[in-house]
Protein backbone atom coordinates (compact mmCIF):
# COMPACT_ATOMS: atom_id res chain seq x y z
CA UNK A 1 1.04 -14.67 -3.95
CA UNK A 2 -1.68 -16.81 -5.47
CA UNK A 3 -4.20 -15.75 -2.81
CA UNK A 4 -3.41 -12.07 -3.39
CA UNK A 5 -3.84 -12.52 -7.14
CA UNK A 6 -7.16 -14.30 -6.67
CA UNK A 7 -8.27 -11.59 -4.26
CA UNK A 8 -7.36 -8.98 -6.86
CA UNK A 9 -9.39 -10.80 -9.52
CA UNK A 10 -12.39 -10.99 -7.18
CA UNK A 11 -12.25 -7.36 -6.05
CA UNK A 12 -10.68 -5.53 -9.02
CA UNK A 13 -12.65 -2.78 -10.70
CA UNK A 14 -13.18 -2.84 -14.50
CA UNK A 15 -10.52 -0.12 -14.85
CA UNK A 16 -8.01 -2.19 -12.84
CA UNK A 17 -8.64 -5.22 -15.03
CA UNK A 18 -8.04 -3.16 -18.17
CA UNK A 19 -4.87 -1.77 -16.61
CA UNK A 20 -3.56 -5.25 -15.84
CA UNK A 21 -4.21 -6.36 -19.43
CA UNK A 22 -2.37 -3.33 -20.80
CA UNK A 23 0.54 -3.76 -18.38
CA UNK A 24 0.86 -7.44 -19.37
CA UNK A 25 0.78 -6.87 -23.13
CA UNK A 26 2.84 -3.70 -23.63
CA UNK A 27 6.24 -5.24 -22.70
CA UNK A 28 5.66 -7.89 -25.40
CA UNK A 29 5.04 -5.17 -27.99
CA UNK A 30 8.33 -3.53 -27.09
CA UNK A 31 10.13 -6.89 -27.02
CA UNK A 32 8.86 -7.85 -30.48
CA UNK A 33 9.69 -4.41 -31.83
CA UNK A 34 13.34 -4.65 -30.77
CA UNK A 35 13.68 -8.21 -32.10
CA UNK A 36 12.31 -7.13 -35.47
CA UNK A 37 14.52 -4.03 -35.50
CA UNK A 38 17.65 -6.09 -34.83
CA UNK A 39 16.75 -8.26 -37.82
CA UNK A 40 16.11 -5.27 -40.06
CA UNK A 41 19.53 -3.83 -39.19
CA UNK A 42 21.42 -7.13 -39.66
CA UNK A 43 22.59 -7.68 -43.28
CA UNK A 44 22.46 -11.47 -42.86
CA UNK A 45 18.90 -11.44 -41.56
CA UNK A 46 17.66 -8.81 -44.03
CA UNK A 47 17.86 -11.26 -46.91
CA UNK A 48 15.32 -13.52 -45.28
CA UNK A 49 12.82 -10.75 -44.50
CA UNK A 50 10.33 -8.86 -46.60
CA UNK A 51 11.37 -5.53 -45.18
CA UNK A 52 8.30 -3.43 -46.20
CA UNK A 53 6.01 -5.92 -44.45
CA UNK A 54 8.16 -5.96 -41.33
CA UNK A 55 8.23 -2.15 -41.27
CA UNK A 56 4.41 -2.16 -41.42
CA UNK A 57 4.42 -4.52 -38.43
CA UNK A 58 6.86 -2.20 -36.65
CA UNK A 59 4.60 0.78 -37.26
CA UNK A 60 1.62 -1.22 -35.98
CA UNK A 61 3.52 -2.10 -32.81
CA UNK A 62 4.44 1.56 -32.26
CA UNK A 63 0.83 2.65 -32.77
CA UNK A 64 -0.49 -0.05 -30.45
CA UNK A 65 2.10 0.83 -27.79
CA UNK A 66 1.09 4.49 -28.00
CA UNK A 67 -2.56 3.48 -27.57
CA UNK A 68 -1.59 1.35 -24.58
CA UNK A 69 0.15 4.27 -22.90
CA UNK A 70 -2.92 6.38 -23.60
CA UNK A 71 -5.12 3.74 -21.97
CA UNK A 72 -2.79 3.69 -18.95
CA UNK A 73 -2.92 7.46 -18.56
CA UNK A 74 -6.73 7.48 -18.71
CA UNK A 75 -7.29 4.40 -16.54
CA UNK A 76 -4.82 5.02 -13.73
CA UNK A 77 -6.82 7.81 -11.99
CA UNK A 78 -9.96 5.64 -12.32
CA UNK A 79 -8.46 2.35 -11.14
CA UNK A 80 -10.71 2.26 -8.03
CA UNK A 81 -13.87 3.34 -9.83
CA UNK A 82 -16.37 0.42 -9.68
CA UNK A 83 -18.39 1.59 -12.68
CA UNK A 84 -18.34 -0.74 -15.71
CA UNK A 85 -16.37 0.29 -18.80
CA UNK A 86 -17.75 -1.95 -21.57
CA UNK A 87 -16.59 0.17 -24.53
CA UNK A 88 -13.10 0.68 -23.14
CA UNK A 89 -12.84 -3.04 -22.36
CA UNK A 90 -13.65 -3.84 -25.99
CA UNK A 91 -11.11 -1.25 -27.19
CA UNK A 92 -8.36 -2.70 -24.97
CA UNK A 93 -9.04 -6.30 -26.00
CA UNK A 94 -9.21 -5.41 -29.71
CA UNK A 95 -5.97 -3.46 -29.48
CA UNK A 96 -4.23 -6.43 -27.88
CA UNK A 97 -5.88 -9.19 -29.90
CA UNK A 98 -5.47 -7.68 -33.36
CA UNK A 99 -1.77 -6.90 -32.82
CA UNK A 100 -0.99 -10.46 -31.73
CA UNK A 101 -3.10 -11.78 -34.62
CA UNK A 102 -1.03 -9.72 -37.07
CA UNK A 103 2.20 -11.05 -35.53
CA UNK A 104 0.90 -14.60 -36.02
CA UNK A 105 -0.22 -13.89 -39.61
CA UNK A 106 2.98 -12.17 -40.71
CA UNK A 107 5.19 -14.93 -39.29
CA UNK A 108 3.02 -17.86 -40.39
CA UNK A 109 0.12 -18.91 -38.23
CA UNK A 110 0.58 -22.67 -38.40
CA UNK A 111 4.38 -23.01 -38.61
CA UNK A 112 5.58 -20.70 -35.84
CA UNK A 113 4.98 -20.31 -32.13
CA UNK A 114 3.08 -17.06 -32.60
CA UNK A 115 -0.22 -18.94 -32.36
CA UNK A 116 0.79 -20.08 -28.84
CA UNK A 117 1.21 -16.45 -27.83
CA UNK A 118 -2.22 -15.71 -29.31
CA UNK A 119 -3.77 -18.50 -27.23
CA UNK A 120 -2.03 -17.11 -24.15
CA UNK A 121 -3.54 -13.70 -24.85
CA UNK A 122 -6.98 -15.35 -25.12
CA UNK A 123 -6.45 -17.08 -21.75
CA UNK A 124 -5.50 -13.79 -20.08
CA UNK A 125 -8.55 -12.12 -21.60
CA UNK A 126 -10.91 -14.80 -20.32
CA UNK A 127 -9.46 -14.30 -16.86
CA UNK A 128 -9.85 -10.52 -16.83
CA UNK A 129 -12.86 -9.62 -18.99
CA UNK A 130 -16.48 -10.65 -19.27
CA UNK A 131 -17.61 -13.08 -21.95
CA UNK A 132 -19.31 -10.43 -24.09
CA UNK A 133 -16.11 -8.44 -24.40
CA UNK A 134 -14.08 -11.55 -25.19
CA UNK A 135 -16.60 -12.73 -27.77
CA UNK A 136 -16.27 -9.43 -29.64
CA UNK A 137 -12.47 -9.61 -29.59
CA UNK A 138 -12.46 -13.32 -30.47
CA UNK A 139 -14.79 -12.89 -33.43
CA UNK A 140 -12.74 -9.94 -34.73
CA UNK A 141 -9.43 -11.83 -34.48
CA UNK A 142 -10.88 -15.11 -35.76
CA UNK A 143 -12.45 -13.25 -38.67
CA UNK A 144 -9.10 -11.72 -39.54
CA UNK A 145 -7.36 -15.11 -39.39
CA UNK A 146 -10.00 -16.90 -41.47
CA UNK A 147 -10.21 -14.12 -44.06
CA UNK A 148 -6.45 -14.06 -44.51
CA UNK A 149 -6.31 -17.87 -44.86
CA UNK A 150 -9.04 -17.76 -47.51
CA UNK A 151 -7.02 -15.24 -49.54
CA UNK A 152 -3.90 -17.39 -49.10
CA UNK A 153 -5.74 -20.47 -50.41
CA UNK A 154 -7.07 -18.46 -53.34
CA UNK A 155 -3.53 -17.34 -54.16
CA UNK A 156 -4.06 -13.62 -53.60
CA UNK A 157 -1.80 -13.30 -50.52
CA UNK A 158 1.42 -15.07 -49.49
CA UNK A 159 1.65 -17.32 -46.48
CA UNK A 160 3.96 -15.81 -43.81
CA UNK A 161 4.41 -12.50 -45.69
CA UNK A 162 7.14 -11.24 -43.33
CA UNK A 163 9.72 -13.86 -44.41
CA UNK A 164 11.20 -15.16 -47.68
CA UNK A 165 12.59 -18.53 -48.75
CA UNK A 166 16.04 -17.32 -47.73
CA UNK A 167 14.93 -17.69 -44.11
CA UNK A 168 15.50 -21.43 -44.69
CA UNK A 169 18.45 -23.57 -45.63
CA UNK A 170 16.69 -26.21 -47.64
CA UNK A 171 13.96 -27.39 -45.29
CA UNK A 172 15.71 -26.21 -42.11
CA UNK A 173 15.25 -22.64 -40.83
CA UNK A 174 18.18 -20.26 -40.57
CA UNK A 175 19.55 -19.94 -37.05
CA UNK A 176 18.06 -16.48 -36.58
CA UNK A 177 14.63 -17.58 -37.77
CA UNK A 178 14.74 -20.68 -35.56
CA UNK A 179 15.78 -18.54 -32.58
CA UNK A 180 12.94 -16.07 -33.16
CA UNK A 181 10.43 -18.87 -33.58
CA UNK A 182 11.57 -20.67 -30.43
CA UNK A 183 11.56 -17.53 -28.29
CA UNK A 184 8.02 -16.69 -29.39
CA UNK A 185 6.87 -20.29 -28.89
CA UNK A 186 8.24 -20.61 -25.35
CA UNK A 187 6.99 -17.16 -24.37
CA UNK A 188 3.49 -18.13 -25.49
CA UNK A 189 3.77 -21.54 -23.84
CA UNK A 190 4.75 -20.00 -20.50
CA UNK A 191 1.89 -17.51 -20.67
CA UNK A 192 -0.81 -19.99 -21.61
CA UNK A 193 0.41 -22.63 -19.14
CA UNK A 194 0.45 -20.10 -16.31
CA UNK A 195 -2.99 -18.77 -17.17
CA UNK A 196 -4.49 -22.25 -17.49
CA UNK A 197 -3.08 -23.23 -14.11
CA UNK A 198 -4.51 -20.04 -12.59
CA UNK A 199 -7.88 -20.55 -14.26
CA UNK A 200 -8.20 -24.18 -13.21
CA UNK A 201 -7.00 -23.23 -9.72
CA UNK A 202 -9.76 -20.63 -9.49
CA UNK A 203 -12.27 -23.12 -10.87
CA UNK A 204 -11.27 -25.63 -8.21
CA UNK A 205 -11.47 -22.94 -5.51
CA UNK A 206 -14.93 -21.89 -6.72
CA UNK A 207 -16.03 -25.53 -6.70
CA UNK A 208 -14.88 -25.92 -3.11
CA UNK A 209 -16.58 -22.67 -2.15
CA UNK A 210 -19.88 -23.68 -3.77
CA UNK A 211 -19.67 -27.12 -2.21
CA UNK A 212 -19.15 -25.53 1.19
CA UNK A 213 -22.05 -23.11 0.66
CA UNK A 214 -24.36 -25.97 -0.26
CA UNK A 215 -23.72 -27.55 3.13
CA UNK A 216 -23.35 -24.42 5.28
CA UNK A 217 -25.87 -22.14 6.95
CA UNK A 218 -24.92 -18.63 5.87
CA UNK A 219 -25.99 -16.84 9.06
CA UNK A 220 -24.33 -19.05 11.66
CA UNK A 221 -21.58 -20.77 9.68
CA UNK A 222 -22.76 -24.14 10.99
CA UNK A 223 -23.62 -27.07 8.71
CA UNK A 224 -27.18 -26.88 7.40
CA UNK A 225 -30.03 -29.38 7.60
CA UNK A 226 -29.01 -31.12 4.38
CA UNK A 227 -25.51 -31.90 5.58
CA UNK A 228 -26.76 -32.85 9.04
CA UNK A 229 -29.19 -35.42 7.62
CA UNK A 230 -26.44 -36.96 5.48
CA UNK A 231 -24.19 -37.29 8.51
CA UNK A 232 -27.06 -38.62 10.61
CA UNK A 233 -27.73 -41.42 8.10
CA UNK A 234 -24.03 -42.27 7.97
CA UNK A 235 -23.57 -42.28 11.75
CA UNK A 236 -26.71 -44.36 12.36
CA UNK A 237 -25.45 -46.92 9.83
CA UNK A 238 -22.03 -46.95 11.49
CA UNK A 239 -23.57 -47.27 14.95
CA UNK A 240 -25.61 -50.23 13.72
CA UNK A 241 -22.35 -52.06 12.92
CA UNK A 242 -20.74 -51.23 16.25
CA UNK A 243 -21.61 -51.37 19.92
CA UNK A 244 -20.80 -47.72 20.56
CA UNK A 245 -23.68 -45.42 21.60
CA UNK A 246 -24.95 -42.58 19.44
CA UNK A 247 -26.79 -39.59 20.90
CA UNK A 248 -28.69 -36.72 19.36
CA UNK A 249 -29.50 -33.30 20.83
CA UNK A 250 -32.33 -31.12 19.52
CA UNK A 251 -32.17 -27.50 20.63
CA UNK A 252 -34.81 -24.78 20.36
CA UNK A 253 -34.31 -21.17 21.43
CA UNK A 254 -37.07 -20.18 23.84
CA UNK A 255 -39.35 -17.25 23.01
CA UNK A 256 -37.27 -16.34 20.00
CA UNK A 257 -40.17 -14.58 18.30
CA UNK A 258 -40.28 -12.25 21.29
CA UNK A 259 -36.62 -11.36 20.71
CA UNK A 260 -37.35 -10.47 17.08
CA UNK A 261 -40.49 -8.52 17.93
CA UNK A 262 -38.87 -6.61 20.80
CA UNK A 263 -35.37 -5.93 19.51
CA UNK A 264 -35.60 -6.44 15.74
CA UNK A 265 -34.46 -9.13 13.34
CA UNK A 266 -30.85 -7.87 13.27
CA UNK A 267 -30.55 -8.59 16.99
CA UNK A 268 -32.30 -11.92 16.43
CA UNK A 269 -29.69 -12.84 13.84
CA UNK A 270 -26.93 -11.90 16.27
CA UNK A 271 -28.53 -14.07 18.96
CA UNK A 272 -28.60 -17.07 16.61
CA UNK A 273 -24.98 -16.49 15.58
CA UNK A 274 -23.87 -16.33 19.24
CA UNK A 275 -25.89 -19.44 20.10
CA UNK A 276 -24.21 -21.27 17.21
CA UNK A 277 -20.76 -20.18 18.45
CA UNK A 278 -21.46 -21.25 22.03
CA UNK A 279 -22.84 -24.53 20.75
CA UNK A 280 -19.66 -25.14 18.76
CA UNK A 281 -17.58 -24.40 21.85
CA UNK A 282 -19.55 -26.94 23.88
CA UNK A 283 -18.92 -30.01 21.68
CA UNK A 284 -15.92 -31.98 20.51
CA UNK A 285 -14.59 -30.98 17.12
CA UNK A 286 -14.52 -32.48 14.57
CA UNK A 287 -16.09 -35.62 16.10
CA UNK A 288 -19.42 -34.05 17.07
CA UNK A 289 -21.56 -32.19 14.56
CA UNK A 290 -23.54 -29.09 15.48
CA UNK A 291 -25.96 -27.87 12.80
CA UNK A 292 -28.76 -25.39 12.26
CA UNK A 293 -31.94 -27.13 11.13
CA UNK A 294 -33.82 -23.92 10.40
CA UNK A 295 -35.18 -20.87 12.19
CA UNK A 296 -34.18 -21.07 15.85
CA UNK A 297 -33.79 -24.86 15.79
CA UNK A 298 -30.41 -26.54 16.13
CA UNK A 299 -29.20 -30.11 16.44
CA UNK A 300 -26.04 -31.84 17.63
CA UNK A 301 -24.95 -35.31 16.56
CA UNK A 302 -22.79 -37.00 19.19
CA UNK A 303 -21.10 -40.20 17.99
CA UNK A 304 -19.74 -42.61 20.61
CA UNK A 305 -21.66 -40.69 23.28
CA UNK A 306 -24.21 -41.98 25.75
CA UNK A 307 -27.29 -40.04 26.82
CA UNK A 308 -25.66 -39.25 30.15
CA UNK A 309 -22.59 -37.82 28.42
CA UNK A 310 -24.87 -35.85 26.11
CA UNK A 311 -26.52 -34.30 29.16
CA UNK A 312 -23.09 -33.07 30.21
CA UNK A 313 -22.89 -31.27 26.86
CA UNK A 314 -26.25 -29.72 27.61
CA UNK A 315 -24.87 -28.52 30.91
CA UNK A 316 -21.88 -26.86 29.26
CA UNK A 317 -24.15 -25.07 26.80
CA UNK A 318 -26.46 -24.02 29.66
CA UNK A 319 -23.53 -22.57 31.60
CA UNK A 320 -22.20 -20.63 28.62
CA UNK A 321 -25.62 -19.17 27.87
CA UNK A 322 -26.09 -18.19 31.52
CA UNK A 323 -22.79 -16.30 31.43
CA UNK A 324 -23.54 -14.48 28.18
CA UNK A 325 -25.63 -11.30 28.30
CA UNK A 326 -27.07 -9.87 25.09
CA UNK A 327 -27.41 -6.12 24.66
CA UNK A 328 -29.87 -4.26 22.45
CA UNK A 329 -31.12 -0.70 22.66
CA UNK A 330 -29.58 -0.19 26.07
CA UNK A 331 -31.31 -3.30 27.45
CA UNK A 332 -29.66 -6.51 28.60
CA UNK A 333 -31.26 -9.92 28.27
CA UNK A 334 -30.33 -13.61 28.41
CA UNK A 335 -31.33 -16.43 26.12
CA UNK A 336 -32.69 -19.78 27.27
CA UNK A 337 -33.05 -22.94 25.24
CA UNK A 338 -35.04 -26.17 25.43
CA UNK A 339 -32.99 -29.29 24.74
CA UNK A 340 -34.06 -32.85 24.01
CA UNK A 341 -31.59 -35.73 24.11
CA UNK A 342 -32.05 -39.15 22.53
CA UNK A 343 -29.80 -42.19 22.41
CA UNK A 344 -30.00 -44.49 19.41
CA UNK A 345 -30.23 -48.27 19.85
CA UNK A 346 -30.17 -49.78 16.36
CA UNK A 347 -32.90 -47.77 14.59
CA UNK A 348 -32.59 -46.34 11.11
CA UNK A 349 -32.15 -42.61 10.73
CA UNK A 350 -35.81 -42.31 9.74
CA UNK A 351 -37.02 -44.33 12.68
CA UNK A 352 -38.34 -42.94 15.93
CA UNK A 353 -37.28 -39.45 16.86
CA UNK A 354 -36.55 -38.00 20.29
CA UNK A 355 -39.60 -36.90 22.22
CA UNK A 356 -39.56 -33.88 24.48
CA UNK A 357 -39.79 -34.99 28.08
CA UNK A 358 -41.00 -33.07 31.07
CA UNK A 359 -38.97 -29.95 31.67
CA UNK A 360 -38.22 -27.61 34.50
CA UNK A 361 -39.86 -24.27 35.16
CA UNK A 362 -40.85 -22.17 32.23
CA UNK A 363 -37.81 -20.20 31.10
CA UNK A 364 -37.89 -16.47 30.62
CA UNK A 365 -35.59 -14.16 28.73
CA UNK A 366 -33.82 -13.22 31.94
CA UNK A 367 -33.60 -16.53 33.80
CA UNK A 368 -31.70 -19.26 31.92
CA UNK A 369 -32.77 -22.20 34.09
CA UNK A 370 -34.04 -24.82 31.61
CA UNK A 371 -32.48 -28.25 32.20
CA UNK A 372 -31.72 -30.84 29.57
CA UNK A 373 -34.40 -33.52 29.20
CA UNK A 374 -33.64 -37.06 28.09
CA UNK A 375 -35.55 -39.44 25.83
CA UNK A 376 -34.47 -42.83 24.52
CA UNK A 377 -35.28 -44.86 21.46
CA UNK A 378 -36.89 -48.17 22.08
CA UNK A 379 -34.68 -51.01 20.89
């Protein structure tokens, strides 16, 4: 469920986001309207209400609900339209925000749970709309709240104009007022808690995604040079504390420029992606680390592996490449690679590097016959 919701948020059109906001807010309008109506029709509750003010709130809820249904009717046929709707987004957020602000003002902003509902509405808005739209709605609602509070402090307007002193028994609220306040408080608490959990969940997911992208080569999906060098330093340090061997393979695709020039860069990208996949299939996971260093250059870090065992990995990669035929423009070709293998004997990661040793016959694009060559660090 969470994955589907996150997928919706990532792929939803502006019209779909507006629709979701309207669908989420309209039931609350109707809910509040019926609660207020039940109080207006109850003789016991009537004494604690300023009925003209509550009727104004009822009319506002009806008007806002009608606007919401109008938004739904206009947005539904356009729910898959990717074009931005900045003005409509502002209209939707203002319609929602101002109504909830009025509910909070009429009931008493600081002594009821209506402010929790208002915060929940803000959380939903931040999840669905861009910051510009939310800034406009926030400034409008905050301006309304501040202006009203200024008039209250100056003595021109009453605090909590929808209720009278008869809503309280001494300092304790009447049962009906306490029930209304608690329902509103818990409704707002549920909304804001859910939205905060969703928002922080998405933030955590985005952090993991960005962290993965910073260490991953986009084309091949293999770790990039940065991550490889970090692992290399760590493995060399670990190998220095142990007696286990550590081997390194450096791999270069032969005549790769010819592939790009002959078949195009799209085919070249496909060749690199296939080479990365075959390389991943040839090593132990997750013990070994295959990475793309850049261009057509790859490397494999082989902990607890001797040079002879690394040559066996070279053989597996050679066999897989020999069996794989690439196709482009009706032509078939094979890829060959040059591989250097080095075994570490106590050097630092920035010490000597593997040298390329003598190799077999020159490889061509149709004859994958290059053999792995071996070099060793001096102790």
